[in-house]
């Protein structure tokens, strides 16, 4: 078997670089969704209180249960006493305004978390899935590590002040990328501008619900293409937002934390500036999209002679606009032939973007389908063919 390298094509294009951006926020991060290239990074790896942005992890754990078929949108969950609106911790906090003993659908819990930033809804989710909020935070931690968030820690599911609630802007962006990519049927709910819960059990909550229906994410109202994700605010931590927008087919993810502007409108304006800066100063070239056939790799001792190689995520490069261009080529590297058996999704090589001899982007090539190994007689025939000079 030989390691082979194939030049897929050569382009003239430029590589990505940081774009200067000034913000009064303590931390900011901007990344291209397709390429994963960071465009702006200010204190992006500094652990900070995420406030209600932590609810994105609460939602991600819930989405896993839905994706696995363990929960459905119309399932009803009983509200426990820890989520009752009479608990003093909810007096100053964002909430749906739930009463102990009532039931609420999974769909309304999700919308209540996204639109109303319902801390009470996060407790309902935590107690349903973890048995207690303390146990649920362990699930949050495990989920974080599983998707590559190595620093984040969790003290509760709501984002209420807790010394263990710490996340970085970079890892909040990682979480956003995961939510967008892994739950495509659910993600559109993050663009919901208004949600009016219709099952309040007390007059006080009905009045609360009448005046609390609009999404705290004001970016949805001022920037075309904005479609998520979550804001947060505490007195000590300031304002924060994880946002995403798609303009001209290109998606960017932005994170701001520790912003001391005047309310959610000012926060949205700052985020719009960040995202607009990314669109105006950089561009992205997508070479291959997830699932595209990139190479047809010969298979040794396989029931099929070849296996299609693809990428699990889009393979792209982000670059600054209006810069000098230099040569770039894209290559596929793999063993020829590749030994069977091969499982679907198994790594069978890599794709590389190379500029002036330097690797600037790489990603694994994976098998698009399973190829099982031939039985003994099939291998014997293969050996005879090789000895006779065939393939």
Protein backbone atom coordinates (compact mmCIF):
# COMPACT_ATOMS: atom_id res chain seq x y z
CA UNK A 1 0.00 0.00 0.00
CA UNK A 2 1.26 3.45 -0.86
CA UNK A 3 0.45 6.88 0.50
CA UNK A 4 -0.85 8.86 -2.44
CA UNK A 5 -1.39 12.58 -2.84
CA UNK A 6 -3.72 13.98 -5.47
CA UNK A 7 -3.99 17.65 -6.35
CA UNK A 8 -7.71 18.32 -6.58
CA UNK A 9 -7.31 21.82 -8.00
CA UNK A 10 -5.20 24.94 -7.72
CA UNK A 11 -6.61 28.40 -7.03
CA UNK A 12 -5.31 31.87 -6.53
CA UNK A 13 -6.67 33.00 -3.21
CA UNK A 14 -5.54 34.52 0.08
CA UNK A 15 -5.42 33.11 3.59
CA UNK A 16 -7.32 34.34 6.60
CA UNK A 17 -6.05 36.88 9.09
CA UNK A 18 -7.41 38.65 12.12
CA UNK A 19 -9.42 41.75 11.34
CA UNK A 20 -9.08 44.65 13.75
CA UNK A 21 -12.23 45.45 15.68
CA UNK A 22 -12.70 47.74 18.66
CA UNK A 23 -15.30 47.03 21.33
CA UNK A 24 -15.86 48.07 24.93
CA UNK A 25 -16.94 44.53 25.77
CA UNK A 26 -14.47 42.68 27.97
CA UNK A 27 -14.51 39.73 25.59
CA UNK A 28 -15.45 39.28 21.93
CA UNK A 29 -15.09 36.49 19.41
CA UNK A 30 -16.13 36.18 15.77
CA UNK A 31 -15.75 33.03 13.69
CA UNK A 32 -16.77 31.85 10.24
CA UNK A 33 -19.10 28.85 10.55
CA UNK A 34 -17.86 26.99 7.47
CA UNK A 35 -14.12 27.45 7.80
CA UNK A 36 -13.87 27.67 11.59
CA UNK A 37 -11.43 30.55 11.11
CA UNK A 38 -11.52 33.20 13.81
CA UNK A 39 -11.89 36.76 12.56
CA UNK A 40 -11.94 38.70 15.84
CA UNK A 41 -10.64 37.49 19.19
CA UNK A 42 -10.49 39.68 22.30
CA UNK A 43 -9.90 37.80 25.57
CA UNK A 44 -11.60 34.88 23.82
CA UNK A 45 -10.11 32.28 26.16
CA UNK A 46 -10.81 34.11 29.41
CA UNK A 47 -13.32 32.36 31.68
CA UNK A 48 -16.22 34.67 32.54
CA UNK A 49 -19.74 34.31 33.99
CA UNK A 50 -21.99 33.52 31.01
CA UNK A 51 -25.27 34.51 32.74
CA UNK A 52 -28.24 33.28 30.68
CA UNK A 53 -26.05 32.27 27.75
CA UNK A 54 -25.45 29.11 29.79
CA UNK A 55 -28.98 28.08 28.81
CA UNK A 56 -27.57 27.14 25.41
CA UNK A 57 -25.95 24.16 27.11
CA UNK A 58 -29.19 23.37 28.93
CA UNK A 59 -30.89 23.34 25.54
CA UNK A 60 -28.16 21.25 23.90
CA UNK A 61 -28.60 18.49 26.49
CA UNK A 62 -32.38 18.65 25.95
CA UNK A 63 -31.93 18.54 22.17
CA UNK A 64 -29.91 15.33 22.50
CA UNK A 65 -32.87 13.69 24.24
CA UNK A 66 -35.20 14.84 21.48
CA UNK A 67 -32.80 13.67 18.77
CA UNK A 68 -32.54 10.26 20.46
CA UNK A 69 -36.33 9.95 20.52
CA UNK A 70 -36.55 9.97 24.31
CA UNK A 71 -38.61 13.16 24.32
CA UNK A 72 -41.00 14.72 21.82
CA UNK A 73 -42.16 18.28 21.30
CA UNK A 74 -45.70 17.58 22.52
CA UNK A 75 -44.66 15.64 25.63
CA UNK A 76 -45.79 17.33 28.83
CA UNK A 77 -43.49 17.74 31.84
CA UNK A 78 -44.61 18.51 35.38
CA UNK A 79 -43.27 21.68 37.02
CA UNK A 80 -41.63 21.09 40.42
CA UNK A 81 -41.52 23.46 43.38
CA UNK A 82 -38.01 24.64 42.53
CA UNK A 83 -39.37 26.17 39.33
CA UNK A 84 -42.42 27.80 40.96
CA UNK A 85 -42.60 31.55 40.37
CA UNK A 86 -43.11 32.10 44.11
CA UNK A 87 -39.54 30.99 44.83
CA UNK A 88 -37.72 34.25 45.72
CA UNK A 89 -34.84 33.49 43.37
CA UNK A 90 -37.19 34.09 40.43
CA UNK A 91 -38.45 37.49 41.61
CA UNK A 92 -35.78 39.52 39.75
CA UNK A 93 -35.00 36.86 37.14
CA UNK A 94 -36.28 36.22 33.64
CA UNK A 95 -38.93 33.49 33.61
CA UNK A 96 -42.00 32.03 31.94
CA UNK A 97 -43.85 32.32 35.27
CA UNK A 98 -44.70 28.71 36.04
CA UNK A 99 -46.59 27.21 38.97
CA UNK A 100 -45.67 24.00 40.76
CA UNK A 101 -47.85 21.08 39.70
CA UNK A 102 -48.78 22.38 36.26
CA UNK A 103 -47.52 20.71 33.12
CA UNK A 104 -45.83 22.27 30.14
CA UNK A 105 -44.93 20.91 26.70
CA UNK A 106 -41.34 20.40 25.63
CA UNK A 107 -41.98 22.85 22.77
CA UNK A 108 -43.07 25.58 25.16
CA UNK A 109 -40.09 24.91 27.42
CA UNK A 110 -37.76 25.42 24.45
CA UNK A 111 -39.48 28.62 23.33
CA UNK A 112 -39.61 29.83 26.92
CA UNK A 113 -35.86 29.32 27.23
CA UNK A 114 -35.03 30.90 23.87
CA UNK A 115 -37.43 33.86 23.80
CA UNK A 116 -38.15 34.62 27.45
CA UNK A 117 -34.85 33.28 28.83
CA UNK A 118 -36.94 31.37 31.35
CA UNK A 119 -34.81 30.35 34.31
CA UNK A 120 -37.78 28.40 35.66
CA UNK A 121 -37.94 26.48 32.38
CA UNK A 122 -34.27 25.51 32.75
CA UNK A 123 -35.01 23.99 36.17
CA UNK A 124 -37.92 21.99 34.73
CA UNK A 125 -35.60 20.60 32.05
CA UNK A 126 -32.83 19.88 34.57
CA UNK A 127 -35.07 18.00 37.00
CA UNK A 128 -36.71 16.01 34.21
CA UNK A 129 -33.43 14.87 32.66
CA UNK A 130 -31.08 14.80 35.64
CA UNK A 131 -33.43 14.17 38.55
CA UNK A 132 -32.03 17.31 40.17
CA UNK A 133 -30.36 20.47 38.97
CA UNK A 134 -27.10 19.40 40.63
CA UNK A 135 -27.04 16.12 38.71
CA UNK A 136 -27.99 17.91 35.52
CA UNK A 137 -24.93 20.14 35.76
CA UNK A 138 -22.84 16.97 35.50
CA UNK A 139 -24.65 16.20 32.26
CA UNK A 140 -23.87 19.73 31.08
CA UNK A 141 -20.21 19.22 31.93
CA UNK A 142 -20.05 15.88 30.11
CA UNK A 143 -21.73 17.41 27.07
CA UNK A 144 -19.27 20.30 27.05
CA UNK A 145 -16.26 17.99 27.09
CA UNK A 146 -17.76 15.78 24.38
CA UNK A 147 -17.94 18.69 21.91
CA UNK A 148 -14.50 20.08 22.70
CA UNK A 149 -15.27 22.66 25.39
CA UNK A 150 -12.37 21.97 27.72
CA UNK A 151 -12.61 24.91 30.13
CA UNK A 152 -16.31 25.58 30.79
CA UNK A 153 -17.83 24.68 34.17
CA UNK A 154 -21.42 24.73 35.35
CA UNK A 155 -23.07 25.47 38.69
CA UNK A 156 -26.69 25.54 37.56
CA UNK A 157 -28.86 25.29 34.46
CA UNK A 158 -30.20 28.85 34.47
CA UNK A 159 -27.17 31.10 34.61
CA UNK A 160 -28.12 32.67 37.93
CA UNK A 161 -24.95 33.86 39.71
CA UNK A 162 -22.83 30.89 40.81
CA UNK A 163 -19.02 30.72 41.12
CA UNK A 164 -18.98 27.54 39.02
CA UNK A 165 -20.74 29.14 36.05
CA UNK A 166 -17.76 30.00 33.85
CA UNK A 167 -17.38 29.91 30.07
CA UNK A 168 -15.12 31.49 27.47
CA UNK A 169 -16.30 33.35 24.39
CA UNK A 170 -14.52 30.85 22.17
CA UNK A 171 -16.29 27.92 23.83
CA UNK A 172 -19.66 29.67 23.62
CA UNK A 173 -19.03 29.92 19.86
CA UNK A 174 -18.15 26.20 19.80
CA UNK A 175 -21.47 25.49 21.49
CA UNK A 176 -23.32 27.64 18.95
CA UNK A 177 -21.63 25.83 16.06
CA UNK A 178 -22.70 22.51 17.59
CA UNK A 179 -26.32 23.60 18.00
CA UNK A 180 -26.57 24.97 14.46
CA UNK A 181 -24.92 21.95 12.86
CA UNK A 182 -26.29 19.07 14.92
CA UNK A 183 -29.93 20.09 15.36
CA UNK A 184 -30.97 21.57 11.99
CA UNK A 185 -34.67 20.77 12.55
CA UNK A 186 -34.73 22.57 15.91
CA UNK A 187 -32.39 25.49 15.27
CA UNK A 188 -34.98 27.65 13.40
CA UNK A 189 -36.78 28.09 16.74
CA UNK A 190 -33.95 30.45 17.78
CA UNK A 191 -35.25 33.02 15.27
CA UNK A 192 -38.60 33.28 17.09
CA UNK A 193 -39.22 36.95 17.87
CA UNK A 194 -42.29 36.60 20.05
CA UNK A 195 -43.69 33.87 22.30
CA UNK A 196 -46.81 34.16 24.41
CA UNK A 197 -47.27 31.31 26.87
CA UNK A 198 -50.97 30.52 27.10
CA UNK A 199 -51.18 28.26 30.15
CA UNK A 200 -50.50 30.49 33.17
CA UNK A 201 -52.28 29.32 36.33
CA UNK A 202 -52.52 32.58 38.32
CA UNK A 203 -53.71 36.12 37.60
CA UNK A 204 -50.28 37.48 38.52
CA UNK A 205 -48.59 35.22 35.98
CA UNK A 206 -51.18 35.98 33.32
CA UNK A 207 -50.37 39.68 33.71
CA UNK A 208 -46.65 38.88 33.65
CA UNK A 209 -47.11 36.88 30.48
CA UNK A 210 -49.11 39.65 28.83
CA UNK A 211 -46.18 42.06 29.14
CA UNK A 212 -43.32 39.61 28.55
CA UNK A 213 -43.51 38.13 25.05
CA UNK A 214 -40.66 39.63 23.02
CA UNK A 215 -37.29 37.97 22.51
CA UNK A 216 -34.46 39.56 24.50
CA UNK A 217 -32.29 39.07 21.42
CA UNK A 218 -32.95 42.42 19.74
CA UNK A 219 -30.51 41.59 16.95
CA UNK A 220 -33.35 39.62 15.36
CA UNK A 221 -35.21 42.89 14.86
CA UNK A 222 -32.39 45.04 13.46
CA UNK A 223 -30.18 42.80 11.31
CA UNK A 224 -31.38 40.92 8.23
CA UNK A 225 -30.10 37.35 8.32
CA UNK A 226 -29.82 37.17 12.12
CA UNK A 227 -31.42 33.94 13.37
CA UNK A 228 -30.16 33.30 16.92
CA UNK A 229 -29.05 32.54 19.54
CA UNK A 230 -29.12 33.83 23.16
CA UNK A 231 -28.49 36.86 25.35
CA UNK A 232 -27.58 37.12 29.02
CA UNK A 233 -27.24 39.73 31.74
CA UNK A 234 -26.25 39.94 35.37
CA UNK A 235 -25.38 43.00 37.43
CA UNK A 236 -21.81 41.79 37.99
CA UNK A 237 -21.15 40.25 34.59
CA UNK A 238 -22.77 42.85 32.37
CA UNK A 239 -24.48 42.01 29.10
CA UNK A 240 -23.57 39.16 26.80
CA UNK A 241 -24.79 37.62 23.57
CA UNK A 242 -24.13 34.59 21.39
CA UNK A 243 -25.39 35.44 17.91
CA UNK A 244 -25.42 34.06 14.41
CA UNK A 245 -26.41 35.49 11.06
CA UNK A 246 -26.46 34.24 7.51
CA UNK A 247 -25.89 36.79 4.77
CA UNK A 248 -25.40 35.87 1.13
CA UNK A 249 -25.17 32.20 2.05
CA UNK A 250 -22.33 32.84 4.51
CA UNK A 251 -22.81 32.25 8.24
CA UNK A 252 -20.88 33.99 11.00
CA UNK A 253 -21.06 33.38 14.75
CA UNK A 254 -20.32 36.19 17.17
CA UNK A 255 -19.93 36.28 20.95
CA UNK A 256 -19.79 39.34 23.21
CA UNK A 257 -19.49 39.19 27.01
CA UNK A 258 -18.90 41.74 29.72
CA UNK A 259 -20.57 44.56 27.81
CA UNK A 260 -21.73 47.48 29.95
CA UNK A 261 -23.98 49.25 27.45
CA UNK A 262 -27.46 50.51 28.18
CA UNK A 263 -29.66 47.47 27.82
CA UNK A 264 -30.35 44.81 25.22
CA UNK A 265 -30.79 47.33 22.39
CA UNK A 266 -27.25 48.61 22.88
CA UNK A 267 -26.01 45.01 23.09
CA UNK A 268 -27.71 44.20 19.79
CA UNK A 269 -26.16 47.25 18.13
CA UNK A 270 -22.70 46.18 19.31
CA UNK A 271 -23.23 42.67 17.98
CA UNK A 272 -24.47 44.00 14.66
CA UNK A 273 -21.25 46.03 14.39
CA UNK A 274 -19.19 42.91 15.11
CA UNK A 275 -20.96 40.73 12.53
CA UNK A 276 -21.05 43.48 9.91
CA UNK A 277 -17.32 43.98 10.42
CA UNK A 278 -16.77 40.32 9.62
CA UNK A 279 -18.82 40.42 6.42
CA UNK A 280 -17.21 43.65 5.23
CA UNK A 281 -13.57 42.77 5.90
CA UNK A 282 -13.37 39.04 5.08
CA UNK A 283 -14.66 36.52 2.60
CA UNK A 284 -14.99 32.73 2.66
CA UNK A 285 -14.42 30.17 -0.07
CA UNK A 286 -16.11 26.78 0.44
CA UNK A 287 -14.24 24.07 -1.48
CA UNK A 288 -16.34 21.08 -0.47
CA UNK A 289 -19.55 20.71 1.49
CA UNK A 290 -20.34 17.91 3.91
CA UNK A 291 -21.26 14.80 1.93
CA UNK A 292 -19.61 15.85 -1.34
CA UNK A 293 -17.65 13.12 -3.10
CA UNK A 294 -13.99 14.18 -2.99
CA UNK A 295 -12.09 11.01 -3.90
CA UNK A 296 -12.80 7.44 -5.01
CA UNK A 297 -10.36 5.35 -2.97
CA UNK A 298 -9.46 1.77 -4.05
CA UNK A 299 -10.17 -0.80 -1.32
CA UNK A 300 -8.01 -3.85 -0.53
CA UNK A 301 -9.96 -7.06 0.23
CA UNK A 302 -13.26 -5.18 0.06
CA UNK A 303 -16.62 -6.42 -1.14
CA UNK A 304 -16.66 -3.18 -3.13
CA UNK A 305 -13.64 -2.15 -5.20
CA UNK A 306 -13.69 1.47 -4.00
CA UNK A 307 -15.10 3.71 -1.30
CA UNK A 308 -16.19 7.32 -1.73
CA UNK A 309 -14.35 9.76 0.54
CA UNK A 310 -16.07 12.91 1.80
CA UNK A 311 -15.90 15.42 4.66
CA UNK A 312 -18.20 15.55 7.68
CA UNK A 313 -18.13 19.34 7.79
CA UNK A 314 -17.73 21.91 5.05
CA UNK A 315 -14.12 22.43 4.02
CA UNK A 316 -13.51 26.15 3.56
CA UNK A 317 -11.01 28.96 4.00
CA UNK A 318 -11.68 32.50 5.24
CA UNK A 319 -9.50 35.34 4.04
CA UNK A 320 -9.29 39.12 4.27
CA UNK A 321 -10.71 41.16 1.43
CA UNK A 322 -8.62 43.40 -0.79
CA UNK A 323 -5.28 41.73 -0.13
CA UNK A 324 -2.61 40.44 -2.49
CA UNK A 325 -3.38 36.94 -3.72
CA UNK A 326 -0.93 34.08 -3.67
CA UNK A 327 -1.17 30.54 -5.03
CA UNK A 328 -3.12 27.94 -3.13
CA UNK A 329 -3.79 24.29 -3.91
CA UNK A 330 -6.12 21.71 -2.39
CA UNK A 331 -4.91 18.12 -2.05
CA UNK A 332 -6.32 14.76 -0.98
CA UNK A 333 -3.96 12.34 0.81
CA UNK A 334 -4.80 8.67 1.45
CA UNK A 335 -3.52 5.09 1.25
CA UNK A 336 -4.05 3.30 -2.07
CA UNK A 337 -5.53 0.76 -1.65
CA UNK A 338 -7.15 1.22 1.75
CA UNK A 339 -7.67 -2.04 3.67
CA UNK A 340 -11.19 -3.36 4.36
CA UNK A 341 -13.30 -3.48 6.44
CA UNK A 342 -14.19 0.21 6.45
CA UNK A 343 -17.00 1.59 8.58
CA UNK A 344 -19.11 4.52 7.42
CA UNK A 345 -17.56 7.67 8.85
CA UNK A 346 -14.14 6.07 9.38
CA UNK A 347 -11.15 8.29 8.63
CA UNK A 348 -9.57 7.17 5.34
CA UNK A 349 -7.27 10.12 4.62
CA UNK A 350 -7.19 13.89 4.79
CA UNK A 351 -7.85 16.95 2.67
CA UNK A 352 -5.33 19.76 2.81
CA UNK A 353 -5.25 23.38 1.69
CA UNK A 354 -1.67 24.42 1.08
CA UNK A 355 -0.28 27.87 0.35
CA UNK A 356 3.31 28.37 -0.74
CA UNK A 357 4.22 25.01 0.77
CA UNK A 358 2.54 25.74 4.12
CA UNK A 359 -0.56 23.86 5.28
CA UNK A 360 -3.21 26.44 6.16
CA UNK A 361 -6.23 24.15 6.55
CA UNK A 362 -6.78 20.44 6.87
CA UNK A 363 -9.65 18.08 7.65
CA UNK A 364 -10.12 14.30 7.74
CA UNK A 365 -11.50 12.45 4.75
CA UNK A 366 -14.13 9.96 5.88
CA UNK A 367 -15.83 7.01 4.24
CA UNK A 368 -19.25 7.87 2.83
CA UNK A 369 -20.45 4.27 3.21
CA UNK A 370 -19.47 0.94 4.78
CA UNK A 371 -17.32 -1.55 2.88
CA UNK A 372 -17.12 -5.01 4.40
CA UNK A 373 -14.22 -7.42 3.98
CA UNK A 374 -14.36 -10.26 1.47
CA UNK A 375 -14.44 -13.85 2.71
CA UNK A 376 -11.50 -16.24 2.41
CA UNK A 377 -12.11 -17.29 -1.21
CA UNK A 378 -12.54 -13.71 -2.31
CA UNK A 379 -9.20 -12.81 -0.76
CA UNK A 380 -7.56 -15.84 -2.38
CA UNK A 381 -8.81 -14.79 -5.81
CA UNK A 382 -7.55 -11.27 -5.14
CA UNK A 383 -4.10 -12.61 -4.26
CA UNK A 384 -3.96 -14.70 -7.43
CA UNK A 385 -4.86 -11.67 -9.54
CA UNK A 386 -2.10 -9.63 -7.92
CA UNK A 387 0.44 -12.40 -8.53
CA UNK A 388 -0.61 -12.47 -12.19
CA UNK A 389 0.01 -8.76 -12.47
CA UNK A 390 -3.57 -7.61 -12.08
CA UNK A 391 -5.22 -5.43 -9.47
